[in-house]
Amino acid sequence: MKIESTRDVGQLWLFSGLVFTASVVVVRLLGRGYGVRTASLWIGYVGLAAIGVALLLTWRWLNHGGPRSLAVRIPLRLVVVAAILLWVLALLFPFL
């Protein structure tokens, strides 16, 4: 997948957000019973994987294109780095 414009980034995040939201809805519908914990965990990881792909492709877009202005590029990089750290924490949270 090539991310070449801000429109592509927007579509990427829209799709990733929809996948993440759908996984949250499915996990909520399953409930908190002991028998569905593993399934809920894997469904949650599908949603987190979508966000992870979006973060990595956004980072790649910032390196190979993206805004030309450093005043815009640097804050975007900081936001993506912070989001990646939160994403890693979300991956580890079920085990903490």
Protein backbone atom coordinates (compact mmCIF):
# COMPACT_ATOMS: atom_id res chain seq x y z
CA MET A 1 0.00 0.00 0.00
CA LYS A 2 1.38 3.37 -0.97
CA ILE A 3 0.62 6.41 1.11
CA GLU A 4 1.36 9.45 -1.03
CA SER A 5 -0.98 12.21 0.13
CA THR A 6 -2.77 13.47 3.19
CA ARG A 7 -5.96 12.06 1.65
CA ASP A 8 -4.40 8.58 1.65
CA VAL A 9 -3.41 9.04 5.30
CA GLY A 10 -6.94 10.12 6.15
CA GLN A 11 -8.45 7.10 4.41
CA LEU A 12 -5.96 4.82 6.15
CA TRP A 13 -6.89 6.21 9.57
CA LEU A 14 -10.60 6.07 8.77
CA PHE A 15 -10.38 2.39 7.83
CA SER A 16 -8.16 1.58 10.84
CA GLY A 17 -10.53 3.43 13.14
CA LEU A 18 -13.49 1.49 11.76
CA VAL A 19 -11.71 -1.84 12.28
CA PHE A 20 -10.73 -0.83 15.81
CA THR A 21 -14.26 0.35 16.63
CA ALA A 22 -15.76 -2.85 15.23
CA SER A 23 -13.41 -4.94 17.38
CA VAL A 24 -14.37 -2.95 20.48
CA VAL A 25 -18.08 -3.42 19.72
CA VAL A 26 -17.65 -7.18 19.20
CA VAL A 27 -15.65 -7.54 22.42
CA ARG A 28 -18.34 -5.63 24.33
CA LEU A 29 -21.05 -7.84 22.85
CA LEU A 30 -19.19 -10.98 23.93
CA GLY A 31 -19.25 -9.91 27.55
CA ARG A 32 -16.79 -10.71 30.30
CA GLY A 33 -17.39 -14.41 30.79
CA TYR A 34 -14.52 -16.76 31.44
CA GLY A 35 -15.21 -18.74 28.27
CA VAL A 36 -14.78 -15.77 25.93
CA ARG A 37 -11.67 -14.13 27.39
CA THR A 38 -9.27 -15.62 24.86
CA ALA A 39 -11.54 -14.80 21.92
CA SER A 40 -11.98 -11.26 23.23
CA LEU A 41 -8.23 -10.86 23.56
CA TRP A 42 -7.60 -11.95 19.97
CA ILE A 43 -10.40 -9.77 18.61
CA GLY A 44 -8.93 -6.84 20.52
CA TYR A 45 -5.54 -7.57 19.01
CA VAL A 46 -7.07 -7.38 15.52
CA GLY A 47 -8.24 -3.84 16.31
CA LEU A 48 -4.86 -2.93 17.75
CA ALA A 49 -3.13 -4.40 14.71
CA ALA A 50 -5.12 -2.06 12.47
CA ILE A 51 -3.98 0.90 14.54
CA GLY A 52 -0.38 -0.37 14.51
CA VAL A 53 -0.38 -0.65 10.73
CA ALA A 54 -1.78 2.87 10.46
CA LEU A 55 0.93 4.20 12.79
CA LEU A 56 3.72 2.49 10.88
CA LEU A 57 2.43 3.61 7.49
CA THR A 58 2.00 7.15 8.79
CA TRP A 59 5.59 7.13 10.05
CA ARG A 60 6.75 5.85 6.66
CA TRP A 61 4.74 8.59 4.92
CA LEU A 62 6.39 11.21 7.12
CA ASN A 63 9.83 9.88 6.13
CA HIS A 64 9.16 9.58 2.39
CA GLY A 65 6.81 12.43 1.72
CA GLY A 66 4.40 14.16 3.98
CA PRO A 67 4.51 17.85 4.75
CA ARG A 68 7.58 19.72 3.64
CA SER A 69 7.57 22.18 6.51
CA LEU A 70 9.64 21.19 9.53
CA ALA A 71 7.23 23.18 11.71
CA VAL A 72 4.53 20.68 10.75
CA ARG A 73 6.63 17.56 10.32
CA ILE A 74 8.30 17.58 13.76
CA PRO A 75 5.07 17.83 15.80
CA LEU A 76 3.53 15.09 13.63
CA ARG A 77 6.50 12.84 14.33
CA LEU A 78 6.19 13.52 18.06
CA VAL A 79 2.49 12.65 17.94
CA VAL A 80 3.21 9.41 16.08
CA VAL A 81 5.98 8.45 18.54
CA ALA A 82 3.66 9.12 21.50
CA ALA A 83 0.91 7.10 19.81
CA ILE A 84 3.31 4.20 19.20
CA LEU A 85 4.28 4.20 22.89
CA LEU A 86 0.60 4.15 23.89
CA TRP A 87 -0.03 1.40 21.34
CA VAL A 88 2.75 -0.76 22.82
CA LEU A 89 1.32 -0.16 26.30
CA ALA A 90 -2.12 -1.26 25.03
CA LEU A 91 -0.56 -4.44 23.66
CA LEU A 92 1.06 -5.21 27.00
CA PHE A 93 -1.87 -4.12 29.20
CA PRO A 94 -3.66 -7.51 29.26
CA PHE A 95 -0.49 -9.08 30.66
CA LEU A 96 0.17 -6.47 33.37
